[in-house]
């Protein structure tokens, strides 16, 4: 068994699920999270 953790943009979820399914991944847990902090740079 292997554990994979990934942080992806919400609009990429379908693409990631499809790719993992093609690799034989049969289940996953998806959580919607929000964050804050001092990091500068990327804004959505």
Protein backbone atom coordinates (compact mmCIF):
# COMPACT_ATOMS: atom_id res chain seq x y z
CA UNK A 1 0.00 0.00 0.00
CA UNK A 2 1.22 3.51 -0.78
CA UNK A 3 -0.01 6.88 0.42
CA UNK A 4 0.03 9.82 -1.96
CA UNK A 5 -0.70 13.36 -0.80
CA UNK A 6 -1.14 16.10 -3.37
CA UNK A 7 -2.20 19.72 -3.30
CA UNK A 8 -3.79 20.63 -6.61
CA UNK A 9 -5.91 23.44 -7.98
CA UNK A 10 -9.64 22.65 -7.92
CA UNK A 11 -10.02 22.90 -11.70
CA UNK A 12 -7.44 20.11 -12.12
CA UNK A 13 -9.29 17.58 -9.93
CA UNK A 14 -11.08 15.82 -12.79
CA UNK A 15 -7.88 15.44 -14.78
CA UNK A 16 -5.98 14.09 -11.76
CA UNK A 17 -8.77 11.63 -10.87
CA UNK A 18 -8.84 10.33 -14.43
CA UNK A 19 -5.06 9.88 -14.54
CA UNK A 20 -5.02 8.05 -11.20
CA UNK A 21 -7.88 5.82 -12.30
CA UNK A 22 -5.91 4.84 -15.40
CA UNK A 23 -3.06 3.83 -13.07
CA UNK A 24 -5.36 1.57 -11.07
CA UNK A 25 -6.15 3.81 -8.09
CA UNK A 26 -9.58 2.72 -6.88
CA UNK A 27 -10.33 5.28 -4.17
CA UNK A 28 -9.32 8.63 -2.77
CA UNK A 29 -10.25 11.25 -0.23
CA UNK A 30 -10.69 14.84 -1.42
CA UNK A 31 -10.82 17.82 0.96
CA UNK A 32 -11.47 21.45 0.13
CA UNK A 33 -9.04 23.54 2.18
CA UNK A 34 -8.27 27.22 2.62
CA UNK A 35 -4.99 28.65 3.78
CA UNK A 36 -3.36 31.89 4.78
CA UNK A 37 0.07 33.07 5.69
CA UNK A 38 2.98 35.25 4.70
CA UNK A 39 3.82 33.63 1.38
CA UNK A 40 4.03 36.15 -1.43
CA UNK A 41 3.60 35.52 -5.08
CA UNK A 42 0.76 33.49 -6.50
CA UNK A 43 -2.74 34.90 -6.07
CA UNK A 44 -6.02 33.48 -7.31
